[in-house]
Every structure is written in structure tokens, then in C-alpha cells.
Amino acid sequence: MQQVKALGHELTLLEDMELITLDYDLPLQNYAYEEYRASSLFAYFVATVEEAAKQLHPTFDSPVLELGSMALTDIGEYMVDKLLQ
């Protein structure tokens, strides 16, 4: 879970720097998202949310897996090209 949180933070930083876009409303066509739903990490997430939902005023009450895609922006592509030179 810590690794997933760290990766999410790093992706958010790259998005804030306008190097990538994170598009949760544009899932990839024909991508094997089912492997995420079948993972032990997602099962842990579901169990954690279900436990939290029993509390008074829970922060979360339903486990949702956001499907989406990410892509380099023009600035991101430029930076990658510079790094590869």
C-alpha cells in the first residue's frame, strides 16, 4: 500500500509540473483492468473501506477503482527528448 501511495504522489507531482496528464475519465480501450480488481491490494482496499464505513461519519464508504490513462504532455515529451540526448 505504501508503494502505491508513493507512486500516486509522484504521478501527482508530474501532473502538477505539467509533464503528464492523468485522465480518469478516459480509460484505455481493451486494457486488462480486471487484474487490478483481482489483486490482493484491491481486496485489502475493499476490506479497509468496508471497515471504515461502519464508523460514525466515515471518510469513505464505498471502494471505487478509478480507471483511466496517463500521457506525456508536450512539455513532458520535450523533457524526455532532452534527457535522451
N, C-alpha and C. Protein backbone atom coordinates (compact mmCIF):
# COMPACT_ATOMS: atom_id res chain seq x y z
N MET A 1 0.83 -1.19 0.00
CA MET A 1 0.00 0.00 0.00
C MET A 1 0.87 1.26 0.00
N GLN A 2 1.96 1.22 0.77
CA GLN A 2 2.84 2.39 0.82
C GLN A 2 3.45 2.69 -0.55
N GLN A 3 3.79 1.64 -1.29
CA GLN A 3 4.36 1.82 -2.62
C GLN A 3 3.33 2.45 -3.56
N VAL A 4 2.08 2.03 -3.46
CA VAL A 4 1.02 2.58 -4.30
C VAL A 4 0.80 4.05 -3.96
N LYS A 5 0.78 4.38 -2.67
CA LYS A 5 0.62 5.77 -2.25
C LYS A 5 1.76 6.63 -2.76
N ALA A 6 2.99 6.11 -2.67
CA ALA A 6 4.16 6.87 -3.13
C ALA A 6 4.09 7.10 -4.63
N LEU A 7 3.71 6.07 -5.37
CA LEU A 7 3.61 6.23 -6.83
C LEU A 7 2.53 7.24 -7.18
N GLY A 8 1.40 7.19 -6.49
CA GLY A 8 0.34 8.17 -6.72
C GLY A 8 0.80 9.58 -6.46
N HIS A 9 1.57 9.75 -5.38
CA HIS A 9 2.12 11.08 -5.07
C HIS A 9 3.07 11.55 -6.16
N GLU A 10 3.93 10.66 -6.64
CA GLU A 10 4.88 11.02 -7.69
C GLU A 10 4.16 11.38 -8.98
N LEU A 11 3.12 10.64 -9.32
CA LEU A 11 2.37 10.95 -10.54
C LEU A 11 1.67 12.30 -10.41
N THR A 12 1.15 12.59 -9.23
CA THR A 12 0.52 13.89 -9.00
C THR A 12 1.53 15.02 -9.15
N LEU A 13 2.75 14.81 -8.65
CA LEU A 13 3.79 15.82 -8.81
C LEU A 13 4.11 16.06 -10.29
N LEU A 14 4.22 14.98 -11.07
CA LEU A 14 4.48 15.12 -12.50
C LEU A 14 3.34 15.85 -13.20
N GLU A 15 2.11 15.57 -12.76
CA GLU A 15 0.96 16.27 -13.32
C GLU A 15 1.00 17.76 -12.94
N ASP A 16 1.34 18.06 -11.69
CA ASP A 16 1.45 19.45 -11.25
C ASP A 16 2.52 20.21 -12.02
N MET A 17 3.56 19.49 -12.44
CA MET A 17 4.64 20.10 -13.23
C MET A 17 4.27 20.17 -14.71
N GLU A 18 3.06 19.73 -15.05
CA GLU A 18 2.54 19.72 -16.41
C GLU A 18 3.37 18.86 -17.36
N LEU A 19 3.96 17.77 -16.81
CA LEU A 19 4.74 16.84 -17.62
C LEU A 19 3.88 15.68 -18.11
N ILE A 20 2.81 15.36 -17.36
CA ILE A 20 1.88 14.30 -17.76
C ILE A 20 0.45 14.76 -17.52
N THR A 21 -0.48 14.08 -18.16
CA THR A 21 -1.89 14.25 -17.84
C THR A 21 -2.38 12.94 -17.23
N LEU A 22 -3.23 13.05 -16.22
CA LEU A 22 -3.89 11.90 -15.62
C LEU A 22 -5.37 12.05 -15.93
N ASP A 23 -5.87 11.17 -16.75
CA ASP A 23 -7.24 11.29 -17.25
C ASP A 23 -8.09 10.12 -16.74
N TYR A 24 -8.78 10.34 -15.63
CA TYR A 24 -9.60 9.29 -15.05
C TYR A 24 -10.90 9.09 -15.80
N ASP A 25 -11.23 10.01 -16.68
CA ASP A 25 -12.45 9.86 -17.48
C ASP A 25 -12.16 9.25 -18.86
N LEU A 26 -10.89 8.88 -19.10
CA LEU A 26 -10.51 8.28 -20.37
C LEU A 26 -9.79 6.95 -20.15
N PRO A 27 -10.52 5.91 -19.75
CA PRO A 27 -9.84 4.62 -19.59
C PRO A 27 -9.31 4.10 -20.92
N LEU A 28 -8.25 3.32 -20.86
CA LEU A 28 -7.67 2.73 -22.07
C LEU A 28 -8.59 1.65 -22.62
N GLN A 29 -8.78 1.64 -23.90
CA GLN A 29 -9.59 0.61 -24.55
C GLN A 29 -8.85 -0.72 -24.52
N ASN A 30 -9.57 -1.78 -24.20
CA ASN A 30 -9.04 -3.15 -24.20
C ASN A 30 -7.86 -3.37 -23.25
N TYR A 31 -7.75 -2.54 -22.21
CA TYR A 31 -6.69 -2.73 -21.22
C TYR A 31 -7.18 -3.73 -20.17
N ALA A 32 -6.29 -4.51 -19.64
CA ALA A 32 -6.64 -5.57 -18.69
C ALA A 32 -6.83 -5.01 -17.27
N TYR A 33 -7.80 -4.12 -17.11
CA TYR A 33 -8.05 -3.53 -15.79
C TYR A 33 -8.49 -4.58 -14.77
N GLU A 34 -9.04 -5.70 -15.24
CA GLU A 34 -9.53 -6.73 -14.33
C GLU A 34 -8.43 -7.24 -13.40
N GLU A 35 -7.19 -7.23 -13.85
CA GLU A 35 -6.10 -7.70 -13.00
C GLU A 35 -5.96 -6.84 -11.75
N TYR A 36 -6.32 -5.56 -11.85
CA TYR A 36 -6.28 -4.69 -10.68
C TYR A 36 -7.38 -5.08 -9.69
N ARG A 37 -8.58 -5.32 -10.21
CA ARG A 37 -9.70 -5.70 -9.34
C ARG A 37 -9.46 -7.05 -8.66
N ALA A 38 -8.67 -7.91 -9.29
CA ALA A 38 -8.40 -9.24 -8.75
C ALA A 38 -7.18 -9.25 -7.82
N SER A 39 -6.52 -8.12 -7.63
CA SER A 39 -5.28 -8.08 -6.85
C SER A 39 -5.56 -8.13 -5.35
N SER A 40 -4.57 -8.60 -4.61
CA SER A 40 -4.68 -8.64 -3.16
C SER A 40 -4.71 -7.23 -2.58
N LEU A 41 -4.05 -6.29 -3.23
CA LEU A 41 -4.06 -4.91 -2.76
C LEU A 41 -5.47 -4.31 -2.86
N PHE A 42 -6.18 -4.59 -3.95
CA PHE A 42 -7.54 -4.08 -4.08
C PHE A 42 -8.45 -4.75 -3.05
N ALA A 43 -8.25 -6.03 -2.80
CA ALA A 43 -9.04 -6.73 -1.77
C ALA A 43 -8.80 -6.08 -0.40
N TYR A 44 -7.57 -5.73 -0.12
CA TYR A 44 -7.24 -5.03 1.13
C TYR A 44 -7.94 -3.68 1.19
N PHE A 45 -7.92 -2.95 0.09
CA PHE A 45 -8.60 -1.65 0.00
C PHE A 45 -10.09 -1.81 0.27
N VAL A 46 -10.73 -2.80 -0.36
CA VAL A 46 -12.16 -3.05 -0.17
C VAL A 46 -12.45 -3.34 1.30
N ALA A 47 -11.66 -4.21 1.91
CA ALA A 47 -11.87 -4.56 3.31
C ALA A 47 -11.69 -3.35 4.23
N THR A 48 -10.70 -2.53 3.93
CA THR A 48 -10.43 -1.33 4.73
C THR A 48 -11.59 -0.35 4.64
N VAL A 49 -12.10 -0.14 3.43
CA VAL A 49 -13.23 0.77 3.24
C VAL A 49 -14.48 0.23 3.92
N GLU A 50 -14.71 -1.07 3.81
CA GLU A 50 -15.88 -1.66 4.47
C GLU A 50 -15.80 -1.49 5.98
N GLU A 51 -14.63 -1.65 6.54
CA GLU A 51 -14.45 -1.46 7.98
C GLU A 51 -14.67 0.01 8.36
N ALA A 52 -14.11 0.92 7.56
CA ALA A 52 -14.26 2.34 7.84
C ALA A 52 -15.72 2.79 7.71
N ALA A 53 -16.46 2.18 6.80
CA ALA A 53 -17.86 2.56 6.58
C ALA A 53 -18.73 2.29 7.80
N LYS A 54 -18.28 1.42 8.68
CA LYS A 54 -19.03 1.10 9.90
C LYS A 54 -18.89 2.19 10.97
N GLN A 55 -17.93 3.06 10.79
CA GLN A 55 -17.67 4.11 11.77
C GLN A 55 -18.66 5.27 11.60
N LEU A 56 -18.83 6.04 12.65
CA LEU A 56 -19.66 7.23 12.59
C LEU A 56 -18.96 8.28 11.72
N HIS A 57 -19.65 8.82 10.76
CA HIS A 57 -19.11 9.83 9.82
C HIS A 57 -17.85 9.34 9.10
N PRO A 58 -17.96 8.26 8.36
CA PRO A 58 -16.77 7.74 7.67
C PRO A 58 -16.29 8.68 6.57
N THR A 59 -15.00 8.70 6.35
CA THR A 59 -14.44 9.48 5.25
C THR A 59 -14.78 8.82 3.92
N PHE A 60 -14.72 7.50 3.89
CA PHE A 60 -15.04 6.74 2.69
C PHE A 60 -16.05 5.67 3.06
N ASP A 61 -16.97 5.38 2.14
CA ASP A 61 -17.92 4.32 2.43
C ASP A 61 -18.13 3.36 1.27
N SER A 62 -17.44 3.59 0.17
CA SER A 62 -17.53 2.64 -0.95
C SER A 62 -16.20 2.59 -1.68
N PRO A 63 -15.69 1.37 -1.92
CA PRO A 63 -14.41 1.23 -2.62
C PRO A 63 -14.60 1.40 -4.12
N VAL A 64 -13.92 2.36 -4.68
CA VAL A 64 -14.03 2.63 -6.12
C VAL A 64 -12.64 2.59 -6.73
N LEU A 65 -12.51 1.84 -7.78
CA LEU A 65 -11.26 1.78 -8.53
C LEU A 65 -11.43 2.70 -9.74
N GLU A 66 -10.70 3.81 -9.73
CA GLU A 66 -10.80 4.75 -10.84
C GLU A 66 -9.95 4.25 -12.00
N LEU A 67 -10.59 4.06 -13.13
CA LEU A 67 -9.89 3.62 -14.33
C LEU A 67 -9.55 4.85 -15.16
N GLY A 68 -8.40 4.83 -15.78
CA GLY A 68 -8.02 5.98 -16.57
C GLY A 68 -6.76 5.74 -17.35
N SER A 69 -6.19 6.82 -17.78
CA SER A 69 -4.97 6.75 -18.57
C SER A 69 -4.08 7.94 -18.23
N MET A 70 -2.85 7.85 -18.65
CA MET A 70 -1.93 8.96 -18.49
C MET A 70 -1.14 9.11 -19.78
N ALA A 71 -0.69 10.32 -20.02
CA ALA A 71 0.07 10.59 -21.24
C ALA A 71 1.03 11.74 -20.98
N LEU A 72 2.11 11.73 -21.72
CA LEU A 72 3.04 12.86 -21.67
C LEU A 72 2.39 14.08 -22.31
N THR A 73 2.62 15.23 -21.73
CA THR A 73 2.22 16.48 -22.36
C THR A 73 3.31 16.87 -23.35
N ASP A 74 3.10 17.94 -24.07
CA ASP A 74 4.14 18.43 -24.99
C ASP A 74 5.41 18.76 -24.20
N ILE A 75 5.24 19.39 -23.03
CA ILE A 75 6.40 19.72 -22.18
C ILE A 75 7.08 18.44 -21.72
N GLY A 76 6.29 17.44 -21.35
CA GLY A 76 6.85 16.15 -20.92
C GLY A 76 7.63 15.48 -22.03
N GLU A 77 7.10 15.51 -23.24
CA GLU A 77 7.81 14.92 -24.38
C GLU A 77 9.12 15.65 -24.62
N TYR A 78 9.09 16.97 -24.53
CA TYR A 78 10.30 17.77 -24.71
C TYR A 78 11.36 17.39 -23.67
N MET A 79 10.92 17.24 -22.41
CA MET A 79 11.85 16.90 -21.34
C MET A 79 12.45 15.50 -21.56
N VAL A 80 11.63 14.54 -21.97
CA VAL A 80 12.15 13.19 -22.25
C VAL A 80 13.16 13.23 -23.38
N ASP A 81 12.84 13.97 -24.44
CA ASP A 81 13.79 14.10 -25.56
C ASP A 81 15.10 14.70 -25.10
N LYS A 82 15.05 15.71 -24.23
CA LYS A 82 16.27 16.34 -23.72
C LYS A 82 17.08 15.34 -22.89
N LEU A 83 16.39 14.52 -22.10
CA LEU A 83 17.09 13.55 -21.26
C LEU A 83 17.76 12.46 -22.09
N LEU A 84 17.17 12.14 -23.23
CA LEU A 84 17.71 11.07 -24.07
C LEU A 84 18.81 11.54 -25.01
N GLN A 85 19.07 12.82 -25.06
CA GLN A 85 20.12 13.33 -25.94
C GLN A 85 21.49 13.10 -25.37
